[in-house]
């Protein structure tokens, strides 16, 4: 019997190929979807914060996008940074995790004023840290995350999770007993642990590719 892996998001063909080359059977489905929401660019401060590519993609569609490109940006994730820079933004600092970004902002750049572009299901990590450090910021919700749970008929050996929302969505129609949850980062792993999942392996760096590598290493 080959190892069965469920990915809670549709993978790029080269990402999926890693798993297939390892001899695994792969089921993939988008357990969450995101869609941009209408928003006003009002009272935008001089420094911007993005915690995901979804936030960037939504903001890029705004007719007044050019006004934002004069501002400095802090962001979470190398892919978020690349997307911002490819579209002409000046990224001052980026980190793999929101808590690390919060630390840099509060310790080094606490006097700046920020506007945080976020999704409706965002975690409290960043806003809580900024509030506690009395950093001036406001928040604009620019996209919505929708849970799209689906039933997986045959129990997998491993499940790839890329967000806390993905964990929540998967558990709406599936139970996890002995399966190993491969999580893209600490926040996702925390959500898995709080949901009662026992077997959790966290990627060394918060990328889809590294999550896949952890999965292959574990079963090989």
Protein backbone atom coordinates (compact mmCIF):
# COMPACT_ATOMS: atom_id res chain seq x y z
CA UNK A 1 0.00 0.00 0.00
CA UNK A 2 1.41 3.38 -0.91
CA UNK A 3 1.45 6.22 1.62
CA UNK A 4 -1.65 8.43 1.23
CA UNK A 5 -1.24 12.18 1.62
CA UNK A 6 -3.99 14.79 1.73
CA UNK A 7 -3.07 18.38 0.89
CA UNK A 8 -5.57 20.91 2.23
CA UNK A 9 -4.74 23.20 -0.67
CA UNK A 10 -4.28 22.48 -4.36
CA UNK A 11 -0.56 22.27 -5.05
CA UNK A 12 1.38 23.54 -8.06
CA UNK A 13 2.23 20.69 -10.42
CA UNK A 14 5.94 20.74 -9.46
CA UNK A 15 5.05 20.68 -5.75
CA UNK A 16 2.73 17.72 -6.25
CA UNK A 17 5.39 15.98 -8.33
CA UNK A 18 7.75 15.81 -5.31
CA UNK A 19 5.16 13.68 -3.51
CA UNK A 20 4.39 11.53 -6.56
CA UNK A 21 8.11 10.93 -7.16
CA UNK A 22 8.35 9.68 -3.58
CA UNK A 23 5.72 7.06 -4.48
CA UNK A 24 2.90 8.65 -2.45
CA UNK A 25 -0.78 8.74 -3.42
CA UNK A 26 -1.94 12.37 -3.26
CA UNK A 27 -5.41 13.81 -2.74
CA UNK A 28 -5.60 17.60 -2.91
CA UNK A 29 -8.44 20.04 -2.38
CA UNK A 30 -8.80 23.67 -1.35
CA UNK A 31 -10.22 23.54 2.16
CA UNK A 32 -10.31 27.33 2.28
CA UNK A 33 -10.88 29.94 -0.39
CA UNK A 34 -10.18 33.65 -0.21
CA UNK A 35 -11.90 36.49 -1.99
CA UNK A 36 -11.13 40.22 -2.05
CA UNK A 37 -13.66 42.52 -0.34
CA UNK A 38 -14.43 46.15 -1.13
CA UNK A 39 -12.53 48.55 1.12
CA UNK A 40 -11.76 52.26 1.40
CA UNK A 41 -8.21 53.60 1.56
CA UNK A 42 -8.86 56.05 4.39
CA UNK A 43 -6.45 57.26 7.06
CA UNK A 44 -3.63 55.11 5.68
CA UNK A 45 -0.47 55.65 7.75
CA UNK A 46 3.07 56.00 6.39
CA UNK A 47 4.06 52.36 6.96
CA UNK A 48 2.10 49.34 5.74
CA UNK A 49 1.91 45.80 7.12
CA UNK A 50 0.94 42.72 5.11
CA UNK A 51 0.79 39.27 6.71
CA UNK A 52 -0.09 37.30 3.56
CA UNK A 53 0.00 37.26 -0.22
CA UNK A 54 -3.82 37.37 -0.21
CA UNK A 55 -3.71 40.80 1.39
CA UNK A 56 -1.26 42.06 -1.22
CA UNK A 57 -3.27 40.64 -4.13
CA UNK A 58 -6.43 42.31 -2.89
CA UNK A 59 -4.75 45.70 -2.37
CA UNK A 60 -3.12 45.54 -5.83
CA UNK A 61 -6.62 45.64 -7.36
CA UNK A 62 -7.45 48.97 -5.71
CA UNK A 63 -7.62 51.93 -8.15
CA UNK A 64 -5.49 54.08 -5.81
CA UNK A 65 -2.73 51.48 -5.49
CA UNK A 66 -0.02 53.89 -6.74
CA UNK A 67 -0.54 56.14 -3.71
CA UNK A 68 0.53 53.23 -1.48
CA UNK A 69 3.76 52.49 -3.33
CA UNK A 70 5.45 55.55 -1.82
CA UNK A 71 5.10 54.02 1.66
CA UNK A 72 7.43 51.61 3.45
CA UNK A 73 6.24 48.05 4.01
CA UNK A 74 6.75 45.35 6.64
CA UNK A 75 5.51 41.86 5.84
CA UNK A 76 5.32 38.20 6.84
CA UNK A 77 6.68 35.62 4.38
CA UNK A 78 9.29 35.57 1.62
CA UNK A 79 6.61 35.08 -1.05
CA UNK A 80 4.67 38.07 0.28
CA UNK A 81 7.89 40.11 0.11
CA UNK A 82 8.63 38.96 -3.46
CA UNK A 83 5.11 39.82 -4.59
CA UNK A 84 5.33 43.29 -3.03
CA UNK A 85 8.74 44.03 -4.56
CA UNK A 86 7.66 42.75 -7.97
CA UNK A 87 4.90 45.35 -7.84
CA UNK A 88 7.14 48.26 -6.89
CA UNK A 89 6.82 48.33 -3.10
CA UNK A 90 9.75 49.05 -0.79
CA UNK A 91 9.93 46.27 1.83
CA UNK A 92 11.91 47.40 4.90
CA UNK A 93 11.71 44.12 6.81
CA UNK A 94 10.12 40.70 6.48
CA UNK A 95 10.05 37.65 8.75
CA UNK A 96 8.72 34.11 8.52
CA UNK A 97 6.29 34.59 11.39
CA UNK A 98 3.96 37.31 12.64
CA UNK A 99 5.39 37.17 16.18
CA UNK A 100 8.90 37.87 14.86
CA UNK A 101 7.63 40.80 12.80
CA UNK A 102 5.83 42.17 15.86
CA UNK A 103 9.09 41.99 17.80
CA UNK A 104 11.07 43.90 15.15
CA UNK A 105 8.38 46.58 14.88
CA UNK A 106 7.97 47.07 18.63
CA UNK A 107 11.70 47.01 19.44
CA UNK A 108 13.16 48.92 16.51
CA UNK A 109 10.39 50.76 14.64
CA UNK A 110 7.95 51.51 17.46
CA UNK A 111 7.66 55.21 16.61
CA UNK A 112 6.25 54.62 13.12
CA UNK A 113 2.50 54.63 12.47
CA UNK A 114 1.13 51.60 10.65
CA UNK A 115 -1.80 50.42 8.57
CA UNK A 116 -2.30 46.65 8.65
CA UNK A 117 -4.05 45.10 5.62
CA UNK A 118 -5.61 41.87 6.84
CA UNK A 119 -8.18 39.15 6.27
CA UNK A 120 -11.38 38.58 8.25
CA UNK A 121 -10.00 35.47 10.01
CA UNK A 122 -6.57 36.85 10.86
CA UNK A 123 -4.83 35.80 14.08
CA UNK A 124 -4.50 38.28 16.95
CA UNK A 125 -0.70 37.88 17.23
CA UNK A 126 0.34 41.08 15.45
CA UNK A 127 -2.45 43.47 16.55
CA UNK A 128 -2.15 42.31 20.19
CA UNK A 129 1.63 42.84 20.24
CA UNK A 130 1.34 46.31 18.67
CA UNK A 131 -1.43 47.33 21.06
CA UNK A 132 0.54 46.11 24.07
CA UNK A 133 3.61 48.08 22.97
CA UNK A 134 1.42 51.15 22.34
CA UNK A 135 2.40 51.30 18.68
CA UNK A 136 -0.01 53.45 16.65
CA UNK A 137 -1.80 51.41 13.97
CA UNK A 138 -5.11 50.89 12.26
CA UNK A 139 -6.44 47.94 10.32
CA UNK A 140 -8.23 47.55 6.99
CA UNK A 141 -9.84 44.20 6.11
CA UNK A 142 -9.11 43.58 2.43
CA UNK A 143 -10.04 39.92 1.92
CA UNK A 144 -12.30 37.25 3.31
CA UNK A 145 -11.36 33.66 4.10
CA UNK A 146 -14.16 31.15 3.54
CA UNK A 147 -14.00 27.60 4.91
CA UNK A 148 -14.80 25.00 2.23
CA UNK A 149 -14.79 21.68 4.12
CA UNK A 150 -14.90 18.38 2.19
CA UNK A 151 -15.17 14.77 3.24
CA UNK A 152 -12.09 12.62 2.62
CA UNK A 153 -13.32 9.05 2.19
CA UNK A 154 -10.15 7.03 2.75
CA UNK A 155 -8.05 7.81 5.80
CA UNK A 156 -4.69 9.32 4.83
CA UNK A 157 -1.32 8.70 6.51
CA UNK A 158 -0.37 12.36 6.45
CA UNK A 159 -2.14 15.69 5.99
CA UNK A 160 -0.50 18.91 4.81
CA UNK A 161 -1.84 22.01 6.58
CA UNK A 162 -0.97 25.56 5.51
CA UNK A 163 -3.10 27.72 7.84
CA UNK A 164 -5.13 27.55 11.04
CA UNK A 165 -8.27 28.02 8.91
CA UNK A 166 -7.28 24.94 6.89
CA UNK A 167 -7.11 22.88 10.09
CA UNK A 168 -10.52 24.14 11.19
CA UNK A 169 -12.05 23.41 7.80
CA UNK A 170 -10.62 19.88 7.56
CA UNK A 171 -11.95 18.93 10.99
CA UNK A 172 -15.48 20.04 10.12
CA UNK A 173 -16.00 16.87 8.06
CA UNK A 174 -13.08 14.61 9.01
CA UNK A 175 -11.60 13.22 12.20
CA UNK A 176 -7.90 12.74 12.85
CA UNK A 177 -6.64 9.81 14.92
CA UNK A 178 -3.17 8.53 14.03
CA UNK A 179 -2.54 10.64 10.93
CA UNK A 180 0.49 12.94 11.01
CA UNK A 181 -0.27 16.63 10.53
CA UNK A 182 2.51 18.41 8.61
CA UNK A 183 2.16 22.11 9.39
CA UNK A 184 3.68 25.02 7.48
CA UNK A 185 4.44 26.93 10.69
CA UNK A 186 3.98 27.42 14.41
CA UNK A 187 0.60 29.13 14.23
CA UNK A 188 -0.86 26.33 12.14
CA UNK A 189 0.70 23.72 14.44
CA UNK A 190 -0.76 25.49 17.45
CA UNK A 191 -4.23 25.37 15.87
CA UNK A 192 -3.75 21.65 15.15
CA UNK A 193 -2.62 20.96 18.71
CA UNK A 194 -5.54 22.91 20.21
CA UNK A 195 -7.88 20.84 18.04
CA UNK A 196 -6.60 17.69 19.71
CA UNK A 197 -4.24 16.51 16.95
CA UNK A 198 -1.40 14.56 18.56
CA UNK A 199 1.09 13.82 15.76
CA UNK A 200 2.40 17.14 14.45
CA UNK A 201 5.53 17.92 12.44
CA UNK A 202 6.39 21.57 11.69
CA UNK A 203 8.26 22.73 8.59
CA UNK A 204 11.78 24.13 9.18
CA UNK A 205 10.90 27.19 7.14
CA UNK A 206 7.32 28.35 6.53
CA UNK A 207 6.99 27.37 2.86
CA UNK A 208 4.81 24.84 1.05
CA UNK A 209 7.94 23.20 -0.37
CA UNK A 210 9.49 22.67 3.04
CA UNK A 211 6.23 21.25 4.43
CA UNK A 212 6.28 18.72 1.58
CA UNK A 213 9.96 17.87 2.25
CA UNK A 214 9.18 17.16 5.93
CA UNK A 215 6.42 14.83 4.82
CA UNK A 216 8.67 12.92 2.40
CA UNK A 217 11.47 12.68 5.00
CA UNK A 218 9.08 11.30 7.60
CA UNK A 219 7.68 8.51 5.46
CA UNK A 220 10.92 7.68 3.63
